[in-house]
Amino acid sequence: MNVYLYLQIASALRVSILRGDYVPGQQMPPIRALVQREGCNPATVQKALKVLEKQGLIVSRGSKGYFVIESEKKIIELRNQHLNRLTKILFEKLYVLGFSDSEIIKLFDRIETKKNE
């Protein structure tokens, strides 16, 4: 499945914001820097930033550039929404593979046990 480059860039930037690599109110890298980093054209980066703006993660301040939203609470909310989507996908895939609820619980128990060792 091919995903458009601008969506790949938007996804990587979204993860960086949700992970805390960019703090609330912090300026995003300039378009030129992102173009150089991603090896694409400015229109692709601009489109990726517009996706993040539409999703409410960043805001444009005209010629000053793009900034992470100021609300840490909103970022946490968006992070939890992302977690819920990923969790839903994980469970759907586990059910498709034939795992039962009890097998899934055991799987998570094993992961938790290994984490605490």
PDB file of N, CA and C in Angstrom:
ATOM      1  N   MET A   1       0.840  -1.183   0.000  1.00  0.00           N
ATOM      2  CA  MET A   1       0.000   0.000   0.000  1.00  0.00           C
ATOM      3  C   MET A   1       0.885   1.247   0.000  1.00  0.00           C
ATOM      4  N   ASN A   2       0.746   2.049  -1.010  1.00  0.00           N
ATOM      5  CA  ASN A   2       1.518   3.282  -1.108  1.00  0.00           C
ATOM      6  C   ASN A   2       0.791   4.412  -0.392  1.00  0.00           C
ATOM      7  N   VAL A   3       1.526   5.123   0.424  1.00  0.00           N
ATOM      8  CA  VAL A   3       0.977   6.286   1.101  1.00  0.00           C
ATOM      9  C   VAL A   3       1.686   7.505   0.534  1.00  0.00           C
ATOM     10  N   TYR A   4       0.911   8.526   0.221  1.00  0.00           N
ATOM     11  CA  TYR A   4       1.494   9.741  -0.334  1.00  0.00           C
ATOM     12  C   TYR A   4       2.578  10.281   0.592  1.00  0.00           C
ATOM     13  N   LEU A   5       3.623  10.831  -0.012  1.00  0.00           N
ATOM     14  CA  LEU A   5       4.756  11.342   0.741  1.00  0.00           C
ATOM     15  C   LEU A   5       4.334  12.414   1.743  1.00  0.00           C
ATOM     16  N   TYR A   6       3.434  13.308   1.359  1.00  0.00           N
ATOM     17  CA  TYR A   6       3.020  14.362   2.288  1.00  0.00           C
ATOM     18  C   TYR A   6       2.345  13.771   3.521  1.00  0.00           C
ATOM     19  N   LEU A   7       1.626  12.641   3.357  1.00  0.00           N
ATOM     20  CA  LEU A   7       1.003  11.991   4.514  1.00  0.00           C
ATOM     21  C   LEU A   7       2.047  11.300   5.387  1.00  0.00           C
ATOM     22  N   GLN A   8       3.088  10.765   4.758  1.00  0.00           N
ATOM     23  CA  GLN A   8       4.180  10.161   5.529  1.00  0.00           C
ATOM     24  C   GLN A   8       4.899  11.224   6.362  1.00  0.00           C
ATOM     25  N   ILE A   9       5.124  12.375   5.749  1.00  0.00           N
ATOM     26  CA  ILE A   9       5.793  13.475   6.461  1.00  0.00           C
ATOM     27  C   ILE A   9       4.909  13.976   7.593  1.00  0.00           C
ATOM     28  N   ALA A  10       3.624  14.142   7.305  1.00  0.00           N
ATOM     29  CA  ALA A  10       2.679  14.595   8.335  1.00  0.00           C
ATOM     30  C   ALA A  10       2.644  13.604   9.494  1.00  0.00           C
ATOM     31  N   SER A  11       2.638  12.320   9.177  1.00  0.00           N
ATOM     32  CA  SER A  11       2.600  11.290  10.215  1.00  0.00           C
ATOM     33  C   SER A  11       3.852  11.334  11.090  1.00  0.00           C
ATOM     34  N   ALA A  12       5.014  11.476  10.471  1.00  0.00           N
ATOM     35  CA  ALA A  12       6.266  11.541  11.240  1.00  0.00           C
ATOM     36  C   ALA A  12       6.295  12.778  12.136  1.00  0.00           C
ATOM     37  N   LEU A  13       5.841  13.910  11.617  1.00  0.00           N
ATOM     38  CA  LEU A  13       5.803  15.134  12.422  1.00  0.00           C
ATOM     39  C   LEU A  13       4.769  15.014  13.545  1.00  0.00           C
ATOM     40  N   ARG A  14       3.627  14.378  13.251  1.00  0.00           N
ATOM     41  CA  ARG A  14       2.597  14.170  14.273  1.00  0.00           C
ATOM     42  C   ARG A  14       3.159  13.355  15.429  1.00  0.00           C
ATOM     43  N   VAL A  15       3.848  12.275  15.101  1.00  0.00           N
ATOM     44  CA  VAL A  15       4.452  11.429  16.136  1.00  0.00           C
ATOM     45  C   VAL A  15       5.460  12.233  16.951  1.00  0.00           C
ATOM     46  N   SER A  16       6.261  13.041  16.287  1.00  0.00           N
ATOM     47  CA  SER A  16       7.254  13.864  16.999  1.00  0.00           C
ATOM     48  C   SER A  16       6.584  14.830  17.974  1.00  0.00           C
ATOM     49  N   ILE A  17       5.475  15.405  17.541  1.00  0.00           N
ATOM     50  CA  ILE A  17       4.752  16.340  18.417  1.00  0.00           C
ATOM     51  C   ILE A  17       4.125  15.582  19.582  1.00  0.00           C
ATOM     52  N   LEU A  18       3.445  14.472  19.285  1.00  0.00           N
ATOM     53  CA  LEU A  18       2.765  13.714  20.333  1.00  0.00           C
ATOM     54  C   LEU A  18       3.752  13.092  21.312  1.00  0.00           C
ATOM     55  N   ARG A  19       4.946  12.781  20.836  1.00  0.00           N
ATOM     56  CA  ARG A  19       5.985  12.201  21.691  1.00  0.00           C
ATOM     57  C   ARG A  19       6.628  13.261  22.580  1.00  0.00           C
ATOM     58  N   GLY A  20       6.468  14.533  22.203  1.00  0.00           N
ATOM     59  CA  GLY A  20       7.033  15.604  23.007  1.00  0.00           C
ATOM     60  C   GLY A  20       8.335  16.160  22.480  1.00  0.00           C
ATOM     61  N   ASP A  21       8.708  15.755  21.263  1.00  0.00           N
ATOM     62  CA  ASP A  21       9.926  16.305  20.668  1.00  0.00           C
ATOM     63  C   ASP A  21       9.787  17.808  20.426  1.00  0.00           C
ATOM     64  N   TYR A  22       8.567  18.228  20.176  1.00  0.00           N
ATOM     65  CA  TYR A  22       8.242  19.656  20.041  1.00  0.00           C
ATOM     66  C   TYR A  22       7.269  19.986  21.171  1.00  0.00           C
ATOM     67  N   VAL A  23       7.593  20.973  21.963  1.00  0.00           N
ATOM     68  CA  VAL A  23       6.759  21.331  23.109  1.00  0.00           C
ATOM     69  C   VAL A  23       5.679  22.323  22.680  1.00  0.00           C
ATOM     70  N   PRO A  24       4.617  22.434  23.477  1.00  0.00           N
ATOM     71  CA  PRO A  24       3.557  23.388  23.131  1.00  0.00           C
ATOM     72  C   PRO A  24       4.124  24.798  22.916  1.00  0.00           C
ATOM     73  N   GLY A  25       3.712  25.390  21.809  1.00  0.00           N
ATOM     74  CA  GLY A  25       4.140  26.738  21.470  1.00  0.00           C
ATOM     75  C   GLY A  25       5.461  26.815  20.713  1.00  0.00           C
ATOM     76  N   GLN A  26       6.156  25.702  20.605  1.00  0.00           N
ATOM     77  CA  GLN A  26       7.451  25.701  19.921  1.00  0.00           C
ATOM     78  C   GLN A  26       7.265  25.850  18.409  1.00  0.00           C
ATOM     79  N   GLN A  27       8.181  26.576  17.814  1.00  0.00           N
ATOM     80  CA  GLN A  27       8.151  26.745  16.365  1.00  0.00           C
ATOM     81  C   GLN A  27       8.619  25.458  15.693  1.00  0.00           C
ATOM     82  N   MET A  28       7.912  25.080  14.641  1.00  0.00           N
ATOM     83  CA  MET A  28       8.300  23.928  13.839  1.00  0.00           C
ATOM     84  C   MET A  28       9.494  24.335  12.965  1.00  0.00           C
ATOM     85  N   PRO A  29      10.261  23.348  12.504  1.00  0.00           N
ATOM     86  CA  PRO A  29      11.363  23.703  11.608  1.00  0.00           C
ATOM     87  C   PRO A  29      10.832  24.427  10.366  1.00  0.00           C
ATOM     88  N   PRO A  30      11.604  25.338   9.823  1.00  0.00           N
ATOM     89  CA  PRO A  30      11.169  26.033   8.614  1.00  0.00           C
ATOM     90  C   PRO A  30      10.943  25.050   7.462  1.00  0.00           C
ATOM     91  N   ILE A  31      10.088  25.449   6.549  1.00  0.00           N
ATOM     92  CA  ILE A  31       9.776  24.587   5.406  1.00  0.00           C
ATOM     93  C   ILE A  31      11.050  24.188   4.675  1.00  0.00           C
ATOM     94  N   ARG A  32      11.960  25.128   4.484  1.00  0.00           N
ATOM     95  CA  ARG A  32      13.213  24.810   3.770  1.00  0.00           C
ATOM     96  C   ARG A  32      13.999  23.708   4.475  1.00  0.00           C
ATOM     97  N   ALA A  33      14.038  23.754   5.794  1.00  0.00           N
ATOM     98  CA  ALA A  33      14.764  22.724   6.550  1.00  0.00           C
ATOM     99  C   ALA A  33      14.077  21.370   6.403  1.00  0.00           C
ATOM    100  N   LEU A  34      12.761  21.368   6.434  1.00  0.00           N
ATOM    101  CA  LEU A  34      12.025  20.115   6.266  1.00  0.00           C
ATOM    102  C   LEU A  34      12.189  19.567   4.852  1.00  0.00           C
ATOM    103  N   VAL A  35      12.209  20.468   3.876  1.00  0.00           N
ATOM    104  CA  VAL A  35      12.424  20.063   2.480  1.00  0.00           C
ATOM    105  C   VAL A  35      13.771  19.365   2.353  1.00  0.00           C
ATOM    106  N   GLN A  36      14.786  19.962   2.936  1.00  0.00           N
ATOM    107  CA  GLN A  36      16.129  19.389   2.869  1.00  0.00           C
ATOM    108  C   GLN A  36      16.180  18.046   3.597  1.00  0.00           C
ATOM    109  N   ARG A  37      15.568  17.989   4.772  1.00  0.00           N
ATOM    110  CA  ARG A  37      15.570  16.764   5.572  1.00  0.00           C
ATOM    111  C   ARG A  37      14.827  15.625   4.878  1.00  0.00           C
ATOM    112  N   GLU A  38      13.684  15.955   4.262  1.00  0.00           N
ATOM    113  CA  GLU A  38      12.840  14.935   3.646  1.00  0.00           C
ATOM    114  C   GLU A  38      13.203  14.649   2.194  1.00  0.00           C
ATOM    115  N   GLY A  39      13.980  15.534   1.587  1.00  0.00           N
ATOM    116  CA  GLY A  39      14.368  15.330   0.196  1.00  0.00           C
ATOM    117  C   GLY A  39      13.205  15.414  -0.774  1.00  0.00           C
ATOM    118  N   CYS A  40      12.361  16.400  -0.554  1.00  0.00           N
ATOM    119  CA  CYS A  40      11.190  16.567  -1.411  1.00  0.00           C
ATOM    120  C   CYS A  40      11.048  18.038  -1.777  1.00  0.00           C
ATOM    121  N   ASN A  41       9.941  18.386  -2.390  1.00  0.00           N
ATOM    122  CA  ASN A  41       9.757  19.786  -2.778  1.00  0.00           C
ATOM    123  C   ASN A  41       8.940  20.538  -1.730  1.00  0.00           C
ATOM    124  N   PRO A  42       9.002  21.862  -1.739  1.00  0.00           N
ATOM    125  CA  PRO A  42       8.295  22.669  -0.737  1.00  0.00           C
ATOM    126  C   PRO A  42       6.779  22.445  -0.716  1.00  0.00           C
ATOM    127  N   ALA A  43       6.191  22.180  -1.865  1.00  0.00           N
ATOM    128  CA  ALA A  43       4.735  21.971  -1.914  1.00  0.00           C
ATOM    129  C   ALA A  43       4.333  20.737  -1.110  1.00  0.00           C
ATOM    130  N   THR A  44       5.175  19.711  -1.133  1.00  0.00           N
ATOM    131  CA  THR A  44       4.886  18.486  -0.378  1.00  0.00           C
ATOM    132  C   THR A  44       4.921  18.755   1.122  1.00  0.00           C
ATOM    133  N   VAL A  45       5.929  19.475   1.563  1.00  0.00           N
ATOM    134  CA  VAL A  45       6.047  19.819   2.986  1.00  0.00           C
ATOM    135  C   VAL A  45       4.888  20.728   3.392  1.00  0.00           C
ATOM    136  N   GLN A  46       4.571  21.694   2.568  1.00  0.00           N
ATOM    137  CA  GLN A  46       3.466  22.622   2.851  1.00  0.00           C
ATOM    138  C   GLN A  46       2.161  21.843   3.013  1.00  0.00           C
ATOM    139  N   LYS A  47       1.949  20.864   2.146  1.00  0.00           N
ATOM    140  CA  LYS A  47       0.738  20.051   2.211  1.00  0.00           C
ATOM    141  C   LYS A  47       0.707  19.237   3.516  1.00  0.00           C
ATOM    142  N   ALA A  48       1.866  18.708   3.919  1.00  0.00           N
ATOM    143  CA  ALA A  48       1.951  17.948   5.173  1.00  0.00           C
ATOM    144  C   ALA A  48       1.625  18.839   6.371  1.00  0.00           C
ATOM    145  N   LEU A  49       2.153  20.057   6.357  1.00  0.00           N
ATOM    146  CA  LEU A  49       1.883  20.996   7.455  1.00  0.00           C
ATOM    147  C   LEU A  49       0.415  21.391   7.491  1.00  0.00           C
ATOM    148  N   LYS A  50      -0.207  21.510   6.339  1.00  0.00           N
ATOM    149  CA  LYS A  50      -1.639  21.836   6.281  1.00  0.00           C
ATOM    150  C   LYS A  50      -2.472  20.705   6.890  1.00  0.00           C
ATOM    151  N   VAL A  51      -2.031  19.465   6.690  1.00  0.00           N
ATOM    152  CA  VAL A  51      -2.722  18.324   7.296  1.00  0.00           C
ATOM    153  C   VAL A  51      -2.671  18.441   8.813  1.00  0.00           C
ATOM    154  N   LEU A  52      -1.483  18.738   9.348  1.00  0.00           N
ATOM    155  CA  LEU A  52      -1.329  18.875  10.804  1.00  0.00           C
ATOM    156  C   LEU A  52      -2.111  20.062  11.337  1.00  0.00           C
ATOM    157  N   GLU A  53      -2.181  21.119  10.546  1.00  0.00           N
ATOM    158  CA  GLU A  53      -2.956  22.289  10.955  1.00  0.00           C
ATOM    159  C   GLU A  53      -4.440  21.939  11.010  1.00  0.00           C
ATOM    160  N   LYS A  54      -4.906  21.211  10.015  1.00  0.00           N
ATOM    161  CA  LYS A  54      -6.311  20.792   9.981  1.00  0.00           C
ATOM    162  C   LYS A  54      -6.640  19.862  11.149  1.00  0.00           C
ATOM    163  N   GLN A  55      -5.663  19.057  11.561  1.00  0.00           N
ATOM    164  CA  GLN A  55      -5.853  18.144  12.681  1.00  0.00           C
ATOM    165  C   GLN A  55      -5.752  18.847  14.036  1.00  0.00           C
ATOM    166  N   GLY A  56      -5.384  20.123  14.017  1.00  0.00           N
ATOM    167  CA  GLY A  56      -5.335  20.895  15.249  1.00  0.00           C
ATOM    168  C   GLY A  56      -4.053  20.771  16.037  1.00  0.00           C
ATOM    169  N   LEU A  57      -2.998  20.245  15.434  1.00  0.00           N
ATOM    170  CA  LEU A  57      -1.729  20.091  16.149  1.00  0.00           C
ATOM    171  C   LEU A  57      -0.810  21.297  16.027  1.00  0.00           C
ATOM    172  N   ILE A  58      -0.912  21.998  14.915  1.00  0.00           N
ATOM    173  CA  ILE A  58      -0.061  23.168  14.697  1.00  0.00           C
ATOM    174  C   ILE A  58      -0.919  24.325  14.202  1.00  0.00           C
ATOM    175  N   VAL A  59      -0.361  25.516  14.322  1.00  0.00           N
ATOM    176  CA  VAL A  59      -1.025  26.712  13.800  1.00  0.00           C
ATOM    177  C   VAL A  59      -0.023  27.505  12.970  1.00  0.00           C
ATOM    178  N   SER A  60      -0.538  28.172  11.966  1.00  0.00           N
ATOM    179  CA  SER A  60       0.301  29.030  11.134  1.00  0.00           C
ATOM    180  C   SER A  60       0.265  30.439  11.704  1.00  0.00           C
ATOM    181  N   ARG A  61       1.426  31.047  11.758  1.00  0.00           N
ATOM    182  CA  ARG A  61       1.506  32.447  12.184  1.00  0.00           C
ATOM    183  C   ARG A  61       2.090  33.268  11.040  1.00  0.00           C
ATOM    184  N   GLY A  62       1.510  33.056   9.867  1.00  0.00           N
ATOM    185  CA  GLY A  62       1.912  33.808   8.689  1.00  0.00           C
ATOM    186  C   GLY A  62       3.373  33.641   8.354  1.00  0.00           C
ATOM    187  N   SER A  63       4.052  34.748   8.193  1.00  0.00           N
ATOM    188  CA  SER A  63       5.457  34.712   7.778  1.00  0.00           C
ATOM    189  C   SER A  63       6.391  34.190   8.881  1.00  0.00           C
ATOM    190  N   LYS A  64       5.883  34.085  10.113  1.00  0.00           N
ATOM    191  CA  LYS A  64       6.708  33.573  11.215  1.00  0.00           C
ATOM    192  C   LYS A  64       6.849  32.050  11.165  1.00  0.00           C
ATOM    193  N   GLY A  65       5.939  31.386  10.457  1.00  0.00           N
ATOM    194  CA  GLY A  65       6.018  29.940  10.320  1.00  0.00           C
ATOM    195  C   GLY A  65       4.923  29.207  11.069  1.00  0.00           C
ATOM    196  N   TYR A  66       5.163  27.934  11.287  1.00  0.00           N
ATOM    197  CA  TYR A  66       4.198  27.067  11.967  1.00  0.00           C
ATOM    198  C   TYR A  66       4.677  26.793  13.390  1.00  0.00           C
ATOM    199  N   PHE A  67       3.704  26.720  14.291  1.00  0.00           N
ATOM    200  CA  PHE A  67       3.996  26.498  15.705  1.00  0.00           C
ATOM    201  C   PHE A  67       3.092  25.393  16.241  1.00  0.00           C
ATOM    202  N   VAL A  68       3.636  24.602  17.175  1.00  0.00           N
ATOM    203  CA  VAL A  68       2.830  23.618  17.885  1.00  0.00           C
ATOM    204  C   VAL A  68       1.784  24.384  18.687  1.00  0.00           C
ATOM    205  N   ILE A  69       0.590  23.829  18.782  1.00  0.00           N
ATOM    206  CA  ILE A  69      -0.454  24.503  19.548  1.00  0.00           C
ATOM    207  C   ILE A  69       0.015  24.734  20.986  1.00  0.00           C
ATOM    208  N   GLU A  70      -0.554  25.731  21.615  1.00  0.00           N
ATOM    209  CA  GLU A  70      -0.127  26.116  22.974  1.00  0.00           C
ATOM    210  C   GLU A  70      -0.658  25.172  24.056  1.00  0.00           C
ATOM    211  N   SER A  71      -1.781  24.514  23.791  1.00  0.00           N
ATOM    212  CA  SER A  71      -2.466  23.733  24.810  1.00  0.00           C
ATOM    213  C   SER A  71      -1.862  22.342  25.001  1.00  0.00           C
ATOM    214  N   GLU A  72      -1.184  22.161  26.125  1.00  0.00           N
ATOM    215  CA  GLU A  72      -0.643  20.842  26.452  1.00  0.00           C
ATOM    216  C   GLU A  72      -1.784  19.850  26.654  1.00  0.00           C
ATOM    217  N   LYS A  73      -2.887  20.331  27.228  1.00  0.00           N
ATOM    218  CA  LYS A  73      -4.060  19.483  27.459  1.00  0.00           C
ATOM    219  C   LYS A  73      -4.590  18.929  26.134  1.00  0.00           C
ATOM    220  N   LYS A  74      -4.649  19.770  25.112  1.00  0.00           N
ATOM    221  CA  LYS A  74      -5.136  19.349  23.793  1.00  0.00           C
ATOM    222  C   LYS A  74      -4.176  18.343  23.167  1.00  0.00           C
ATOM    223  N   ILE A  75      -2.877  18.552  23.345  1.00  0.00           N
ATOM    224  CA  ILE A  75      -1.895  17.603  22.810  1.00  0.00           C
ATOM    225  C   ILE A  75      -2.058  16.243  23.489  1.00  0.00           C
ATOM    226  N   ILE A  76      -2.258  16.244  24.790  1.00  0.00           N
ATOM    227  CA  ILE A  76      -2.479  14.990  25.523  1.00  0.00           C
ATOM    228  C   ILE A  76      -3.754  14.314  25.025  1.00  0.00           C
ATOM    229  N   GLU A  77      -4.786  15.099  24.806  1.00  0.00           N
ATOM    230  CA  GLU A  77      -6.045  14.574  24.283  1.00  0.00           C
ATOM    231  C   GLU A  77      -5.832  13.935  22.903  1.00  0.00           C
ATOM    232  N   LEU A  78      -5.107  14.617  22.023  1.00  0.00           N
ATOM    233  CA  LEU A  78      -4.831  14.087  20.688  1.00  0.00           C
ATOM    234  C   LEU A  78      -3.944  12.843  20.770  1.00  0.00           C
ATOM    235  N   ARG A  79      -3.014  12.834  21.709  1.00  0.00           N
ATOM    236  CA  ARG A  79      -2.148  11.665  21.910  1.00  0.00           C
ATOM    237  C   ARG A  79      -2.980  10.460  22.345  1.00  0.00           C
ATOM    238  N   ASN A  80      -3.924  10.687  23.247  1.00  0.00           N
ATOM    239  CA  ASN A  80      -4.792   9.602  23.702  1.00  0.00           C
ATOM    240  C   ASN A  80      -5.716   9.113  22.590  1.00  0.00           C
ATOM    241  N   GLN A  81      -6.186  10.019  21.743  1.00  0.00           N
ATOM    242  CA  GLN A  81      -6.999   9.615  20.596  1.00  0.00           C
ATOM    243  C   GLN A  81      -6.188   8.719  19.663  1.00  0.00           C
ATOM    244  N   HIS A  82      -4.927   9.091  19.454  1.00  0.00           N
ATOM    245  CA  HIS A  82      -4.036   8.292  18.606  1.00  0.00           C
ATOM    246  C   HIS A  82      -3.821   6.913  19.231  1.00  0.00           C
ATOM    247  N   LEU A  83      -3.608   6.877  20.534  1.00  0.00           N
ATOM    248  CA  LEU A  83      -3.457   5.614  21.250  1.00  0.00           C
ATOM    249  C   LEU A  83      -4.692   4.749  21.066  1.00  0.00           C
ATOM    250  N   ASN A  84      -5.874   5.333  21.203  1.00  0.00           N
ATOM    251  CA  ASN A  84      -7.112   4.570  21.055  1.00  0.00           C
ATOM    252  C   ASN A  84      -7.257   3.979  19.656  1.00  0.00           C
ATOM    253  N   ARG A  85      -6.881   4.779  18.625  1.00  0.00           N
ATOM    254  CA  ARG A  85      -6.945   4.268  17.247  1.00  0.00           C
ATOM    255  C   ARG A  85      -5.995   3.096  17.058  1.00  0.00           C
ATOM    256  N   LEU A  86      -4.756   3.242  17.553  1.00  0.00           N
ATOM    257  CA  LEU A  86      -3.767   2.176  17.411  1.00  0.00           C
ATOM    258  C   LEU A  86      -4.185   0.921  18.172  1.00  0.00           C
ATOM    259  N   THR A  87      -4.737   1.094  19.351  1.00  0.00           N
ATOM    260  CA  THR A  87      -5.190  -0.036  20.154  1.00  0.00           C
ATOM    261  C   THR A  87      -6.315  -0.773  19.448  1.00  0.00           C
ATOM    262  N   LYS A  88      -7.241  -0.025  18.886  1.00  0.00           N
ATOM    263  CA  LYS A  88      -8.358  -0.633  18.158  1.00  0.00           C
ATOM    264  C   LYS A  88      -7.839  -1.452  16.976  1.00  0.00           C
ATOM    265  N   ILE A  89      -6.886  -0.888  16.234  1.00  0.00           N
ATOM    266  CA  ILE A  89      -6.301  -1.593  15.091  1.00  0.00           C
ATOM    267  C   ILE A  89      -5.605  -2.872  15.562  1.00  0.00           C
ATOM    268  N   LEU A  90      -4.840  -2.774  16.657  1.00  0.00           N
ATOM    269  CA  LEU A  90      -4.138  -3.935  17.192  1.00  0.00           C
ATOM    270  C   LEU A  90      -5.124  -5.046  17.539  1.00  0.00           C
ATOM    271  N   PHE A  91      -6.179  -4.712  18.265  1.00  0.00           N
ATOM    272  CA  PHE A  91      -7.150  -5.732  18.665  1.00  0.00           C
ATOM    273  C   PHE A  91      -7.867  -6.324  17.461  1.00  0.00           C
ATOM    274  N   GLU A  92      -8.216  -5.497  16.492  1.00  0.00           N
ATOM    275  CA  GLU A  92      -8.863  -6.016  15.279  1.00  0.00           C
ATOM    276  C   GLU A  92      -7.960  -7.025  14.585  1.00  0.00           C
ATOM    277  N   LYS A  93      -6.666  -6.712  14.487  1.00  0.00           N
ATOM    278  CA  LYS A  93      -5.723  -7.611  13.819  1.00  0.00           C
ATOM    279  C   LYS A  93      -5.523  -8.898  14.620  1.00  0.00           C
ATOM    280  N   LEU A  94      -5.483  -8.792  15.942  1.00  0.00           N
ATOM    281  CA  LEU A  94      -5.342  -9.988  16.773  1.00  0.00           C
ATOM    282  C   LEU A  94      -6.561 -10.892  16.633  1.00  0.00           C
ATOM    283  N   TYR A  95      -7.752 -10.300  16.576  1.00  0.00           N
ATOM    284  CA  TYR A  95      -8.972 -11.098  16.397  1.00  0.00           C
ATOM    285  C   TYR A  95      -8.998 -11.757  15.022  1.00  0.00           C
ATOM    286  N   VAL A  96      -8.538 -11.037  13.990  1.00  0.00           N
ATOM    287  CA  VAL A  96      -8.476 -11.607  12.640  1.00  0.00           C
ATOM    288  C   VAL A  96      -7.537 -12.824  12.631  1.00  0.00           C
ATOM    289  N   LEU A  97      -6.462 -12.741  13.406  1.00  0.00           N
ATOM    290  CA  LEU A  97      -5.516 -13.853  13.490  1.00  0.00           C
ATOM    291  C   LEU A  97      -6.045 -15.011  14.346  1.00  0.00           C
ATOM    292  N   GLY A  98      -7.207 -14.822  14.949  1.00  0.00           N
ATOM    293  CA  GLY A  98      -7.834 -15.896  15.706  1.00  0.00           C
ATOM    294  C   GLY A  98      -7.540 -15.909  17.187  1.00  0.00           C
ATOM    295  N   PHE A  99      -6.922 -14.858  17.705  1.00  0.00           N
ATOM    296  CA  PHE A  99      -6.656 -14.806  19.140  1.00  0.00           C
ATOM    297  C   PHE A  99      -7.960 -14.570  19.902  1.00  0.00           C
ATOM    298  N   SER A 100      -8.114 -15.274  21.013  1.00  0.00           N
ATOM    299  CA  SER A 100      -9.278 -15.076  21.872  1.00  0.00           C
ATOM    300  C   SER A 100      -8.968 -13.986  22.892  1.00  0.00           C
ATOM    301  N   ASP A 101     -10.017 -13.550  23.584  1.00  0.00           N
ATOM    302  CA  ASP A 101      -9.816 -12.525  24.616  1.00  0.00           C
ATOM    303  C   ASP A 101      -8.820 -13.011  25.671  1.00  0.00           C
ATOM    304  N   SER A 102      -8.960 -14.265  26.085  1.00  0.00           N
ATOM    305  CA  SER A 102      -8.059 -14.783  27.124  1.00  0.00           C
ATOM    306  C   SER A 102      -6.617 -14.875  26.625  1.00  0.00           C
ATOM    307  N   GLU A 103      -6.422 -15.229  25.362  1.00  0.00           N
ATOM    308  CA  GLU A 103      -5.070 -15.272  24.810  1.00  0.00           C
ATOM    309  C   GLU A 103      -4.455 -13.875  24.747  1.00  0.00           C
ATOM    310  N   ILE A 104      -5.266 -12.893  24.401  1.00  0.00           N
ATOM    311  CA  ILE A 104      -4.785 -11.508  24.332  1.00  0.00           C
ATOM    312  C   ILE A 104      -4.398 -11.023  25.720  1.00  0.00           C
ATOM    313  N   ILE A 105      -5.203 -11.346  26.713  1.00  0.00           N
ATOM    314  CA  ILE A 105      -4.896 -10.952  28.088  1.00  0.00           C
ATOM    315  C   ILE A 105      -3.576 -11.588  28.535  1.00  0.00           C
ATOM    316  N   LYS A 106      -3.401 -12.871  28.215  1.00  0.00           N
ATOM    317  CA  LYS A 106      -2.149 -13.551  28.565  1.00  0.00           C
ATOM    318  C   LYS A 106      -0.963 -12.903  27.866  1.00  0.00           C
ATOM    319  N   LEU A 107      -1.153 -12.526  26.612  1.00  0.00           N
ATOM    320  CA  LEU A 107      -0.094 -11.859  25.853  1.00  0.00           C
ATOM    321  C   LEU A 107       0.338 -10.578  26.553  1.00  0.00           C
ATOM    322  N   PHE A 108      -0.630  -9.758  26.962  1.00  0.00           N
ATOM    323  CA  PHE A 108      -0.301  -8.510  27.641  1.00  0.00           C
ATOM    324  C   PHE A 108       0.296  -8.757  29.021  1.00  0.00           C
ATOM    325  N   ASP A 109      -0.145  -9.813  29.685  1.00  0.00           N
ATOM    326  CA  ASP A 109       0.455 -10.168  30.977  1.00  0.00           C
ATOM    327  C   ASP A 109       1.923 -10.541  30.804  1.00  0.00           C
ATOM    328  N   ARG A 110       2.240 -11.291  29.736  1.00  0.00           N
ATOM    329  CA  ARG A 110       3.632 -11.669  29.464  1.00  0.00           C
ATOM    330  C   ARG A 110       4.475 -10.435  29.176  1.00  0.00           C
ATOM    331  N   ILE A 111       3.928  -9.522  28.398  1.00  0.00           N
ATOM    332  CA  ILE A 111       4.658  -8.287  28.080  1.00  0.00           C
ATOM    333  C   ILE A 111       4.936  -7.507  29.357  1.00  0.00           C
ATOM    334  N   GLU A 112       3.936  -7.391  30.221  1.00  0.00           N
ATOM    335  CA  GLU A 112       4.094  -6.655  31.478  1.00  0.00           C
ATOM    336  C   GLU A 112       5.115  -7.335  32.366  1.00  0.00           C
ATOM    337  N   THR A 113       5.089  -8.658  32.423  1.00  0.00           N
ATOM    338  CA  THR A 113       6.038  -9.413  33.255  1.00  0.00           C
ATOM    339  C   THR A 113       7.461  -9.194  32.760  1.00  0.00           C
ATOM    340  N   LYS A 114       7.675  -9.286  31.439  1.00  0.00           N
ATOM    341  CA  LYS A 114       9.019  -9.088  30.884  1.00  0.00           C
ATOM    342  C   LYS A 114       9.494  -7.668  31.121  1.00  0.00           C
ATOM    343  N   LYS A 115       8.576  -6.706  31.057  1.00  0.00           N
ATOM    344  CA  LYS A 115       8.942  -5.311  31.286  1.00  0.00           C
ATOM    345  C   LYS A 115       9.437  -5.105  32.710  1.00  0.00           C
ATOM    346  N   ASN A 116       8.844  -5.804  33.662  1.00  0.00           N
ATOM    347  CA  ASN A 116       9.187  -5.611  35.073  1.00  0.00           C
ATOM    348  C   ASN A 116      10.391  -6.450  35.517  1.00  0.00           C
ATOM    349  N   GLU A 117      10.896  -7.295  34.630  1.00  0.00           N
ATOM    350  CA  GLU A 117      12.050  -8.134  35.024  1.00  0.00           C
ATOM    351  C   GLU A 117      13.338  -7.356  35.010  1.00  0.00           C
TER     352      GLU A 117
END
